[in-house]
C-alpha atoms as a PDB file:
ATOM      1  CA  UNK A   1       8.793  -0.340  -1.883  1.00  0.00           C
ATOM      2  CA  UNK A   2      10.358  -3.802  -2.182  1.00  0.00           C
ATOM      3  CA  UNK A   3      12.840  -3.196   0.745  1.00  0.00           C
ATOM      4  CA  UNK A   4       9.891  -2.098   2.947  1.00  0.00           C
ATOM      5  CA  UNK A   5       8.000  -5.312   2.239  1.00  0.00           C
ATOM      6  CA  UNK A   6      11.182  -7.328   2.793  1.00  0.00           C
ATOM      7  CA  UNK A   7      11.461  -5.592   6.352  1.00  0.00           C
ATOM      8  CA  UNK A   8       7.806  -6.243   7.043  1.00  0.00           C
ATOM      9  CA  UNK A   9       8.316  -9.837   6.466  1.00  0.00           C
ATOM     10  CA  UNK A  10      11.558 -10.415   8.235  1.00  0.00           C
ATOM     11  CA  UNK A  11      10.261  -8.489  11.382  1.00  0.00           C
ATOM     12  CA  UNK A  12       7.419 -10.980  11.433  1.00  0.00           C
ATOM     13  CA  UNK A  13      10.330 -13.600  11.701  1.00  0.00           C
ATOM     14  CA  UNK A  14       9.952 -14.777   7.911  1.00  0.00           C
ATOM     15  CA  UNK A  15      13.045 -15.403   6.340  1.00  0.00           C
ATOM     16  CA  UNK A  16      13.330 -13.389   3.113  1.00  0.00           C
ATOM     17  CA  UNK A  17      15.194 -13.866  -0.133  1.00  0.00           C
ATOM     18  CA  UNK A  18      15.210 -10.341  -1.811  1.00  0.00           C
ATOM     19  CA  UNK A  19      15.912 -10.102  -5.590  1.00  0.00           C
ATOM     20  CA  UNK A  20      17.403  -6.940  -6.683  1.00  0.00           C
ATOM     21  CA  UNK A  21      17.405  -7.337 -10.600  1.00  0.00           C
ATOM     22  CA  UNK A  22      19.155  -4.048 -10.951  1.00  0.00           C
ATOM     23  CA  UNK A  23      22.657  -4.041  -9.868  1.00  0.00           C
ATOM     24  CA  UNK A  24      22.516  -0.290  -8.384  1.00  0.00           C
ATOM     25  CA  UNK A  25      19.537  -1.406  -6.365  1.00  0.00           C
ATOM     26  CA  UNK A  26      21.570  -4.140  -4.799  1.00  0.00           C
ATOM     27  CA  UNK A  27      24.448  -1.902  -4.044  1.00  0.00           C
ATOM     28  CA  UNK A  28      22.307   0.436  -1.982  1.00  0.00           C
ATOM     29  CA  UNK A  29      19.928  -2.093  -0.587  1.00  0.00           C
ATOM     30  CA  UNK A  30      21.686  -2.989   2.444  1.00  0.00           C
ATOM     31  CA  UNK A  31      22.137   0.535   4.011  1.00  0.00           C
ATOM     32  CA  UNK A  32      18.388   1.270   2.896  1.00  0.00           C
ATOM     33  CA  UNK A  33      17.206  -1.939   4.673  1.00  0.00           C
ATOM     34  CA  UNK A  34      19.296  -1.299   7.942  1.00  0.00           C
ATOM     35  CA  UNK A  35      17.829   2.264   7.946  1.00  0.00           C
ATOM     36  CA  UNK A  36      14.184   0.681   7.983  1.00  0.00           C
ATOM     37  CA  UNK A  37      15.182  -1.780  10.526  1.00  0.00           C
ATOM     38  CA  UNK A  38      16.391   1.226  12.870  1.00  0.00           C
ATOM     39  CA  UNK A  39      12.984   2.770  12.218  1.00  0.00           C
ATOM     40  CA  UNK A  40      11.317  -0.525  13.262  1.00  0.00           C
ATOM     41  CA  UNK A  41      13.397  -0.368  16.558  1.00  0.00           C
ATOM     42  CA  UNK A  42      12.252   3.117  17.198  1.00  0.00           C
ATOM     43  CA  UNK A  43       8.666   1.894  16.541  1.00  0.00           C
ATOM     44  CA  UNK A  44       9.301  -0.808  19.227  1.00  0.00           C
ATOM     45  CA  UNK A  45       8.603  -3.631  16.633  1.00  0.00           C
ATOM     46  CA  UNK A  46      11.814  -5.490  17.221  1.00  0.00           C
ATOM     47  CA  UNK A  47      12.287  -8.404  19.852  1.00  0.00           C
ATOM     48  CA  UNK A  48      15.952  -8.764  18.767  1.00  0.00           C
ATOM     49  CA  UNK A  49      19.081  -6.753  17.519  1.00  0.00           C
ATOM     50  CA  UNK A  50      18.697  -5.275  14.097  1.00  0.00           C
ATOM     51  CA  UNK A  51      21.709  -7.535  12.931  1.00  0.00           C
ATOM     52  CA  UNK A  52      19.827 -10.637  13.651  1.00  0.00           C
ATOM     53  CA  UNK A  53      16.926  -9.533  11.174  1.00  0.00           C
ATOM     54  CA  UNK A  54      19.229  -8.109   8.658  1.00  0.00           C
ATOM     55  CA  UNK A  55      21.022 -11.739   8.803  1.00  0.00           C
ATOM     56  CA  UNK A  56      17.623 -13.296   7.701  1.00  0.00           C
ATOM     57  CA  UNK A  57      17.376 -11.132   4.365  1.00  0.00           C
ATOM     58  CA  UNK A  58      19.397 -12.722   1.513  1.00  0.00           C
ATOM     59  CA  UNK A  59      19.983 -10.058  -0.877  1.00  0.00           C
ATOM     60  CA  UNK A  60      20.824 -11.165  -4.245  1.00  0.00           C
ATOM     61  CA  UNK A  61      20.654 -10.675  -8.187  1.00  0.00           C
ATOM     62  CA  UNK A  62      20.103 -14.450  -8.549  1.00  0.00           C
ATOM     63  CA  UNK A  63      16.574 -15.522  -9.229  1.00  0.00           C
ATOM     64  CA  UNK A  64      17.713 -19.269  -8.697  1.00  0.00           C
ATOM     65  CA  UNK A  65      17.601 -18.496  -5.118  1.00  0.00           C
ATOM     66  CA  UNK A  66      13.744 -18.509  -5.416  1.00  0.00           C
ATOM     67  CA  UNK A  67      13.473 -22.114  -5.526  1.00  0.00           C
ATOM     68  CA  UNK A  68      13.179 -22.191  -1.629  1.00  0.00           C
ATOM     69  CA  UNK A  69      10.350 -20.047  -1.423  1.00  0.00           C
ATOM     70  CA  UNK A  70       6.785 -20.865  -1.024  1.00  0.00           C
ATOM     71  CA  UNK A  71       5.409 -17.237  -1.609  1.00  0.00           C
ATOM     72  CA  UNK A  72       7.201 -14.869  -4.038  1.00  0.00           C
ATOM     73  CA  UNK A  73       5.915 -11.086  -4.120  1.00  0.00           C
ATOM     74  CA  UNK A  74       6.546  -8.827  -7.102  1.00  0.00           C
ATOM     75  CA  UNK A  75       7.147  -5.168  -6.442  1.00  0.00           C
ATOM     76  CA  UNK A  76       8.692  -3.597  -9.538  1.00  0.00           C
ATOM     77  CA  UNK A  77       7.803  -0.476 -11.514  1.00  0.00           C
ATOM     78  CA  UNK A  78       4.126  -0.283 -12.648  1.00  0.00           C
ATOM     79  CA  UNK A  79       4.921  -1.326 -16.334  1.00  0.00           C
ATOM     80  CA  UNK A  80       3.179  -4.337 -17.603  1.00  0.00           C
ATOM     81  CA  UNK A  81       6.060  -5.392 -19.720  1.00  0.00           C
ATOM     82  CA  UNK A  82       8.595  -5.196 -17.131  1.00  0.00           C
ATOM     83  CA  UNK A  83       6.328  -7.308 -14.746  1.00  0.00           C
ATOM     84  CA  UNK A  84       5.735  -9.857 -17.343  1.00  0.00           C
ATOM     85  CA  UNK A  85       9.440 -10.328 -17.800  1.00  0.00           C
ATOM     86  CA  UNK A  86       9.813 -10.716 -13.873  1.00  0.00           C
ATOM     87  CA  UNK A  87       7.051 -13.398 -13.819  1.00  0.00           C
ATOM     88  CA  UNK A  88       8.744 -15.353 -16.479  1.00  0.00           C
ATOM     89  CA  UNK A  89      11.962 -15.310 -14.464  1.00  0.00           C
ATOM     90  CA  UNK A  90      10.312 -16.293 -11.307  1.00  0.00           C
ATOM     91  CA  UNK A  91       8.023 -19.153 -12.857  1.00  0.00           C
ATOM     92  CA  UNK A  92      11.089 -20.622 -14.278  1.00  0.00           C
ATOM     93  CA  UNK A  93      12.671 -21.201 -10.961  1.00  0.00           C
ATOM     94  CA  UNK A  94       9.706 -22.043  -8.520  1.00  0.00           C
ATOM     95  CA  UNK A  95       7.494 -24.961  -8.029  1.00  0.00           C
ATOM     96  CA  UNK A  96       4.142 -25.314  -9.727  1.00  0.00           C
ATOM     97  CA  UNK A  97       2.438 -24.781  -6.157  1.00  0.00           C
ATOM     98  CA  UNK A  98       4.531 -21.443  -5.120  1.00  0.00           C
ATOM     99  CA  UNK A  99       2.114 -18.654  -4.657  1.00  0.00           C
ATOM    100  CA  UNK A 100       3.178 -15.529  -6.630  1.00  0.00           C
ATOM    101  CA  UNK A 101       1.601 -12.153  -5.698  1.00  0.00           C
ATOM    102  CA  UNK A 102       2.038  -8.599  -6.869  1.00  0.00           C
ATOM    103  CA  UNK A 103       2.094  -5.513  -5.115  1.00  0.00           C
ATOM    104  CA  UNK A 104       0.466  -3.404  -8.006  1.00  0.00           C
ATOM    105  CA  UNK A 105      -2.049  -0.800  -7.058  1.00  0.00           C
ATOM    106  CA  UNK A 106      -2.971   0.248 -10.608  1.00  0.00           C
ATOM    107  CA  UNK A 107      -3.121  -2.829 -12.937  1.00  0.00           C
ATOM    108  CA  UNK A 108      -5.882  -5.160 -12.840  1.00  0.00           C
ATOM    109  CA  UNK A 109      -4.857  -8.813 -11.515  1.00  0.00           C
ATOM    110  CA  UNK A 110      -6.688 -10.510 -14.294  1.00  0.00           C
ATOM    111  CA  UNK A 111      -4.856  -8.586 -16.664  1.00  0.00           C
ATOM    112  CA  UNK A 112      -1.386  -9.500 -15.261  1.00  0.00           C
ATOM    113  CA  UNK A 113      -2.577 -13.015 -14.858  1.00  0.00           C
ATOM    114  CA  UNK A 114      -2.302 -13.547 -18.668  1.00  0.00           C
ATOM    115  CA  UNK A 115       1.465 -13.320 -18.572  1.00  0.00           C
ATOM    116  CA  UNK A 116       1.725 -16.400 -16.152  1.00  0.00           C
ATOM    117  CA  UNK A 117       1.992 -20.068 -16.987  1.00  0.00           C
ATOM    118  CA  UNK A 118       0.066 -21.121 -13.956  1.00  0.00           C
ATOM    119  CA  UNK A 119      -2.446 -17.983 -13.132  1.00  0.00           C
ATOM    120  CA  UNK A 120      -4.440 -20.034 -10.701  1.00  0.00           C
ATOM    121  CA  UNK A 121      -1.641 -19.220  -7.965  1.00  0.00           C
ATOM    122  CA  UNK A 122      -1.429 -15.627  -8.792  1.00  0.00           C
ATOM    123  CA  UNK A 123      -3.094 -12.977  -6.793  1.00  0.00           C
ATOM    124  CA  UNK A 124      -2.633  -9.226  -5.617  1.00  0.00           C
ATOM    125  CA  UNK A 125      -0.906  -8.505  -2.443  1.00  0.00           C
ATOM    126  CA  UNK A 126      -1.197  -4.801  -2.126  1.00  0.00           C
ATOM    127  CA  UNK A 127       0.782  -3.223   0.880  1.00  0.00           C
ATOM    128  CA  UNK A 128       0.789   0.475   2.277  1.00  0.00           C
ATOM    129  CA  UNK A 129       4.018   2.399   2.750  1.00  0.00           C
ATOM    130  CA  UNK A 130       5.849   1.619   5.090  1.00  0.00           C
ATOM    131  CA  UNK A 131       4.905  -1.794   4.580  1.00  0.00           C
ATOM    132  CA  UNK A 132       6.455  -2.689   8.081  1.00  0.00           C
ATOM    133  CA  UNK A 133       4.633   0.282  10.184  1.00  0.00           C
ATOM    134  CA  UNK A 134       1.012  -0.045   8.712  1.00  0.00           C
ATOM    135  CA  UNK A 135      -1.660  -2.467   9.416  1.00  0.00           C
ATOM    136  CA  UNK A 136      -3.085  -2.411   5.907  1.00  0.00           C
ATOM    137  CA  UNK A 137      -2.871  -5.365   3.506  1.00  0.00           C
ATOM    138  CA  UNK A 138      -5.165  -5.767   0.516  1.00  0.00           C
ATOM    139  CA  UNK A 139      -5.552  -9.133  -1.101  1.00  0.00           C
ATOM    140  CA  UNK A 140      -7.037  -9.278  -4.624  1.00  0.00           C
ATOM    141  CA  UNK A 141      -8.233 -12.289  -6.557  1.00  0.00           C
ATOM    142  CA  UNK A 142      -8.028 -12.205 -10.400  1.00  0.00           C
ATOM    143  CA  UNK A 143     -10.510 -14.068 -12.605  1.00  0.00           C
ATOM    144  CA  UNK A 144      -8.438 -17.195 -12.404  1.00  0.00           C
ATOM    145  CA  UNK A 145      -7.047 -17.064  -9.143  1.00  0.00           C
ATOM    146  CA  UNK A 146      -7.925 -20.146  -6.752  1.00  0.00           C
ATOM    147  CA  UNK A 147      -9.810 -19.142  -3.735  1.00  0.00           C
ATOM    148  CA  UNK A 148      -7.817 -21.547  -1.426  1.00  0.00           C
ATOM    149  CA  UNK A 149      -4.804 -19.579  -2.409  1.00  0.00           C
ATOM    150  CA  UNK A 150      -6.328 -16.265  -1.552  1.00  0.00           C
ATOM    151  CA  UNK A 151      -7.776 -17.615   1.875  1.00  0.00           C
ATOM    152  CA  UNK A 152      -4.309 -18.951   2.703  1.00  0.00           C
ATOM    153  CA  UNK A 153      -2.507 -15.779   2.041  1.00  0.00           C
ATOM    154  CA  UNK A 154      -5.220 -13.760   4.132  1.00  0.00           C
ATOM    155  CA  UNK A 155      -4.402 -16.302   7.039  1.00  0.00           C
ATOM    156  CA  UNK A 156      -0.724 -15.865   6.851  1.00  0.00           C
ATOM    157  CA  UNK A 157      -1.170 -11.903   6.612  1.00  0.00           C
ATOM    158  CA  UNK A 158      -2.227 -11.934  10.154  1.00  0.00           C
ATOM    159  CA  UNK A 159       1.379 -13.495  11.125  1.00  0.00           C
ATOM    160  CA  UNK A 160       2.600 -10.321   9.220  1.00  0.00           C
ATOM    161  CA  UNK A 161       0.944  -8.214  11.816  1.00  0.00           C
ATOM    162  CA  UNK A 162      -1.774  -7.107   9.328  1.00  0.00           C
ATOM    163  CA  UNK A 163      -5.475  -6.565   9.203  1.00  0.00           C
ATOM    164  CA  UNK A 164      -5.969  -7.907   5.727  1.00  0.00           C
ATOM    165  CA  UNK A 165      -8.893  -7.382   3.481  1.00  0.00           C
ATOM    166  CA  UNK A 166      -9.897  -9.958   0.952  1.00  0.00           C
ATOM    167  CA  UNK A 167     -11.483  -8.815  -2.427  1.00  0.00           C
ATOM    168  CA  UNK A 168     -12.868 -11.692  -4.341  1.00  0.00           C
ATOM    169  CA  UNK A 169     -13.492  -9.795  -7.577  1.00  0.00           C
ATOM    170  CA  UNK A 170     -10.897  -8.084  -9.431  1.00  0.00           C
ATOM    171  CA  UNK A 171     -11.684  -4.601  -9.975  1.00  0.00           C
ATOM    172  CA  UNK A 172      -9.527  -1.562 -11.130  1.00  0.00           C
ATOM    173  CA  UNK A 173      -8.189   0.110  -8.089  1.00  0.00           C
ATOM    174  CA  UNK A 174      -9.138  -2.450  -5.738  1.00  0.00           C
ATOM    175  CA  UNK A 175     -10.755  -1.239  -2.533  1.00  0.00           C
ATOM    176  CA  UNK A 176      -8.618   1.425  -1.066  1.00  0.00           C
ATOM    177  CA  UNK A 177      -7.774   3.363  -4.249  1.00  0.00           C
ATOM    178  CA  UNK A 178     -11.364   3.410  -5.334  1.00  0.00           C
ATOM    179  CA  UNK A 179     -12.661   4.914  -1.930  1.00  0.00           C
ATOM    180  CA  UNK A 180      -9.588   7.452  -1.994  1.00  0.00           C
ATOM    181  CA  UNK A 181      -9.881   8.535  -5.497  1.00  0.00           C
ATOM    182  CA  UNK A 182     -13.797   9.258  -4.957  1.00  0.00           C
ATOM    183  CA  UNK A 183     -12.610  11.625  -2.039  1.00  0.00           C
ATOM    184  CA  UNK A 184      -9.898  13.165  -4.587  1.00  0.00           C
ATOM    185  CA  UNK A 185     -12.484  13.754  -7.195  1.00  0.00           C
ATOM    186  CA  UNK A 186     -14.815  15.589  -5.209  1.00  0.00           C
ATOM    187  CA  UNK A 187     -12.171  17.598  -3.397  1.00  0.00           C
ATOM    188  CA  UNK A 188     -10.603  18.727  -6.565  1.00  0.00           C
ATOM    189  CA  UNK A 189     -13.932  19.522  -8.105  1.00  0.00           C
ATOM    190  CA  UNK A 190     -14.571  21.808  -5.118  1.00  0.00           C
ATOM    191  CA  UNK A 191     -11.176  23.325  -5.599  1.00  0.00           C
ATOM    192  CA  UNK A 192     -11.598  23.878  -9.126  1.00  0.00           C
ATOM    193  CA  UNK A 193     -15.116  25.561  -8.717  1.00  0.00           C
ATOM    194  CA  UNK A 194     -13.435  27.950  -6.155  1.00  0.00           C
ATOM    195  CA  UNK A 195     -15.523  26.698  -3.190  1.00  0.00           C
ATOM    196  CA  UNK A 196     -12.706  25.513  -1.093  1.00  0.00           C
ATOM    197  CA  UNK A 197      -8.860  25.884  -1.222  1.00  0.00           C
ATOM    198  CA  UNK A 198      -6.628  23.031  -0.920  1.00  0.00           C
ATOM    199  CA  UNK A 199      -5.733  23.986   2.645  1.00  0.00           C
ATOM    200  CA  UNK A 200      -9.441  24.231   3.725  1.00  0.00           C
ATOM    201  CA  UNK A 201      -9.920  20.687   2.169  1.00  0.00           C
ATOM    202  CA  UNK A 202      -6.932  19.147   3.755  1.00  0.00           C
ATOM    203  CA  UNK A 203      -7.995  20.746   7.263  1.00  0.00           C
ATOM    204  CA  UNK A 204     -11.527  19.482   7.021  1.00  0.00           C
ATOM    205  CA  UNK A 205     -10.401  15.803   6.158  1.00  0.00           C
ATOM    206  CA  UNK A 206      -7.625  15.870   8.741  1.00  0.00           C
ATOM    207  CA  UNK A 207      -9.510  17.048  11.944  1.00  0.00           C
ATOM    208  CA  UNK A 208     -12.813  15.331  11.016  1.00  0.00           C
ATOM    209  CA  UNK A 209     -12.184  11.995   9.309  1.00  0.00           C
ATOM    210  CA  UNK A 210      -8.871  11.916  10.971  1.00  0.00           C
ATOM    211  CA  UNK A 211     -10.224  12.084  14.403  1.00  0.00           C
ATOM    212  CA  UNK A 212     -12.206   8.936  13.898  1.00  0.00           C
ATOM    213  CA  UNK A 213     -11.543   6.700  10.879  1.00  0.00           C
ATOM    214  CA  UNK A 214      -8.587   4.689  12.556  1.00  0.00           C
ATOM    215  CA  UNK A 215     -11.085   3.607  15.329  1.00  0.00           C
ATOM    216  CA  UNK A 216     -14.211   3.024  13.297  1.00  0.00           C
ATOM    217  CA  UNK A 217     -13.792   2.926   9.513  1.00  0.00           C
ATOM    218  CA  UNK A 218     -16.551   4.426   7.481  1.00  0.00           C
ATOM    219  CA  UNK A 219     -19.398   2.297   7.936  1.00  0.00           C
ATOM    220  CA  UNK A 220     -19.182   1.675  11.555  1.00  0.00           C
ATOM    221  CA  UNK A 221     -19.153   5.418  11.714  1.00  0.00           C
ATOM    222  CA  UNK A 222     -22.641   5.479  10.233  1.00  0.00           C
ATOM    223  CA  UNK A 223     -23.871   3.051  13.069  1.00  0.00           C
ATOM    224  CA  UNK A 224     -22.133   5.309  15.512  1.00  0.00           C
ATOM    225  CA  UNK A 225     -23.896   8.480  14.180  1.00  0.00           C
ATOM    226  CA  UNK A 226     -27.258   7.066  13.405  1.00  0.00           C
ATOM    227  CA  UNK A 227     -28.454   5.480  10.109  1.00  0.00           C
ATOM    228  CA  UNK A 228     -31.483   7.679   9.529  1.00  0.00           C
ATOM    229  CA  UNK A 229     -29.406  10.753   9.686  1.00  0.00           C
ATOM    230  CA  UNK A 230     -26.759   9.211   7.250  1.00  0.00           C
ATOM    231  CA  UNK A 231     -29.470   7.927   4.833  1.00  0.00           C
ATOM    232  CA  UNK A 232     -31.001  11.554   4.604  1.00  0.00           C
ATOM    233  CA  UNK A 233     -27.389  13.022   3.976  1.00  0.00           C
ATOM    234  CA  UNK A 234     -27.076  10.671   1.255  1.00  0.00           C
ATOM    235  CA  UNK A 235     -30.276  11.312  -0.425  1.00  0.00           C
ATOM    236  CA  UNK A 236     -29.616  15.135  -0.521  1.00  0.00           C
ATOM    237  CA  UNK A 237     -25.823  14.959  -1.289  1.00  0.00           C
ATOM    238  CA  UNK A 238     -25.581  12.264  -4.103  1.00  0.00           C
ATOM    239  CA  UNK A 239     -27.289  14.452  -6.860  1.00  0.00           C
ATOM    240  CA  UNK A 240     -24.704  17.104  -6.037  1.00  0.00           C
ATOM    241  CA  UNK A 241     -21.444  15.411  -5.968  1.00  0.00           C
ATOM    242  CA  UNK A 242     -19.152  15.587  -8.923  1.00  0.00           C
ATOM    243  CA  UNK A 243     -19.146  12.847 -11.600  1.00  0.00           C
ATOM    244  CA  UNK A 244     -16.365  14.482 -13.659  1.00  0.00           C
ATOM    245  CA  UNK A 245     -14.255  11.714 -15.679  1.00  0.00           C
ATOM    246  CA  UNK A 246     -11.313  14.170 -16.573  1.00  0.00           C
ATOM    247  CA  UNK A 247      -8.223  14.686 -14.728  1.00  0.00           C
ATOM    248  CA  UNK A 248      -8.476  18.003 -13.071  1.00  0.00           C
ATOM    249  CA  UNK A 249      -6.427  21.110 -14.637  1.00  0.00           C
ATOM    250  CA  UNK A 250      -4.338  21.417 -11.520  1.00  0.00           C
ATOM    251  CA  UNK A 251      -3.209  17.602 -11.610  1.00  0.00           C
ATOM    252  CA  UNK A 252      -2.412  18.098 -15.455  1.00  0.00           C
ATOM    253  CA  UNK A 253      -0.271  21.157 -14.511  1.00  0.00           C
ATOM    254  CA  UNK A 254       1.594  19.221 -11.760  1.00  0.00           C
ATOM    255  CA  UNK A 255       2.521  16.365 -14.379  1.00  0.00           C
ATOM    256  CA  UNK A 256       3.628  18.912 -16.844  1.00  0.00           C
ATOM    257  CA  UNK A 257       6.083  20.406 -14.488  1.00  0.00           C
ATOM    258  CA  UNK A 258       7.042  16.802 -13.220  1.00  0.00           C
ATOM    259  CA  UNK A 259       6.141  17.829  -9.514  1.00  0.00           C
ATOM    260  CA  UNK A 260       6.771  15.183  -7.134  1.00  0.00           C
ATOM    261  CA  UNK A 261       5.773  16.809  -3.894  1.00  0.00           C
ATOM    262  CA  UNK A 262       8.152  16.716  -0.974  1.00  0.00           C
ATOM    263  CA  UNK A 263      10.704  14.611  -3.128  1.00  0.00           C
ATOM    264  CA  UNK A 264      11.574  17.500  -5.547  1.00  0.00           C
ATOM    265  CA  UNK A 265       9.810  20.243  -3.464  1.00  0.00           C
ATOM    266  CA  UNK A 266       7.417  21.048  -6.178  1.00  0.00           C
ATOM    267  CA  UNK A 267       3.801  19.936  -5.618  1.00  0.00           C
ATOM    268  CA  UNK A 268       0.146  21.127  -4.825  1.00  0.00           C
ATOM    269  CA  UNK A 269       1.925  22.928  -1.967  1.00  0.00           C
ATOM    270  CA  UNK A 270       5.154  24.554  -1.967  1.00  0.00           C
ATOM    271  CA  UNK A 271       8.201  23.383   0.307  1.00  0.00           C
ATOM    272  CA  UNK A 272      11.751  24.243   1.259  1.00  0.00           C
ATOM    273  CA  UNK A 273      14.066  21.619   1.752  1.00  0.00           C
ATOM    274  CA  UNK A 274      13.813  21.940   5.310  1.00  0.00           C
ATOM    275  CA  UNK A 275      10.046  21.465   5.326  1.00  0.00           C
ATOM    276  CA  UNK A 276      10.385  18.436   3.120  1.00  0.00           C
ATOM    277  CA  UNK A 277      12.759  16.876   5.755  1.00  0.00           C
ATOM    278  CA  UNK A 278      10.236  17.874   8.541  1.00  0.00           C
ATOM    279  CA  UNK A 279       7.394  16.098   6.715  1.00  0.00           C
ATOM    280  CA  UNK A 280       9.385  13.098   6.466  1.00  0.00           C
ATOM    281  CA  UNK A 281      10.154  12.967   9.999  1.00  0.00           C
ATOM    282  CA  UNK A 282       6.599  13.703  11.200  1.00  0.00           C
ATOM    283  CA  UNK A 283       5.072  10.990   9.150  1.00  0.00           C
ATOM    284  CA  UNK A 284       7.763   8.482  10.607  1.00  0.00           C
ATOM    285  CA  UNK A 285       6.507   9.566  14.203  1.00  0.00           C
ATOM    286  CA  UNK A 286       2.902   9.480  13.222  1.00  0.00           C
ATOM    287  CA  UNK A 287       3.221   5.992  11.727  1.00  0.00           C
ATOM    288  CA  UNK A 288       4.581   4.997  15.145  1.00  0.00           C
ATOM    289  CA  UNK A 289       1.815   6.522  17.093  1.00  0.00           C
ATOM    290  CA  UNK A 290      -0.970   5.391  14.827  1.00  0.00           C
ATOM    291  CA  UNK A 291       0.309   1.821  14.567  1.00  0.00           C
ATOM    292  CA  UNK A 292       0.281   1.255  18.256  1.00  0.00           C
ATOM    293  CA  UNK A 293      -2.910   3.431  18.747  1.00  0.00           C
ATOM    294  CA  UNK A 294      -4.788   1.076  16.178  1.00  0.00           C
ATOM    295  CA  UNK A 295      -3.494  -1.822  17.869  1.00  0.00           C
ATOM    296  CA  UNK A 296      -4.633  -0.584  21.492  1.00  0.00           C
ATOM    297  CA  UNK A 297      -8.202  -0.136  20.016  1.00  0.00           C
ATOM    298  CA  UNK A 298      -8.401  -3.073  17.809  1.00  0.00           C
ATOM    299  CA  UNK A 299     -10.474  -5.057  20.287  1.00  0.00           C
ATOM    300  CA  UNK A 300     -13.059  -2.369  20.203  1.00  0.00           C
ATOM    301  CA  UNK A 301     -13.896  -3.255  16.606  1.00  0.00           C
ATOM    302  CA  UNK A 302     -13.342  -6.998  16.542  1.00  0.00           C
END
């Protein structure tokens, strides 16, 4: 996802130094980034030729280049030992006041702060994929994060064309994952009990929630529907919802066969290679449509 973040920043007219610590990544990065910039062009996100944006990305393996940076965002594999090594490399080069962020969605920020010499300037900067075509950005403070640092990134994020959230207390999963995995738990519980199939669950979420959530969010939806009706539904439904703390059997089965969905054509659904390509294409087009639709209606919720 690092290249996607680099493109998001450079499209927002920020010069980028992109470190590729693995030589093979550096070799393939230029083509990958130019493909993403072409996608940005299709989304009408560019005000200049692709080449001018690409010229503002310095691709390198040399951590010394980070000396010029006021903000550094780590985006490596979700393994704490590897992240710790990267933080050491970064802190050896940058100034004491440089903000260091992590794109982690799984490891608590406070836990990662233990690996930094100056933990006060460290925080979570969590993007959605593709970073350049979504308005989501989640900023999370660890126990030692200075609030001024977090507020500064929150303000800068608007220059990145984001609608950021600021989480002042570090909790596992942050905001988005905690909400989404609550939905996954309930949906998979209904599936395990034979109450609904995956297709029925997806249709219900796609054609109900999907028809209003970009405009309203979940709590403005309550205001729109009526607080009394929602309070009654909560009272009646809460005792019936799943509180299971085990990974559902179907997910364990997917892990055992190393299913990766459309990426290896094995997942909760079955796919042909053509269907996998169609999903990629459809998601790209949808990102274009929803990005501009969200912008068109943003004044309605501000």
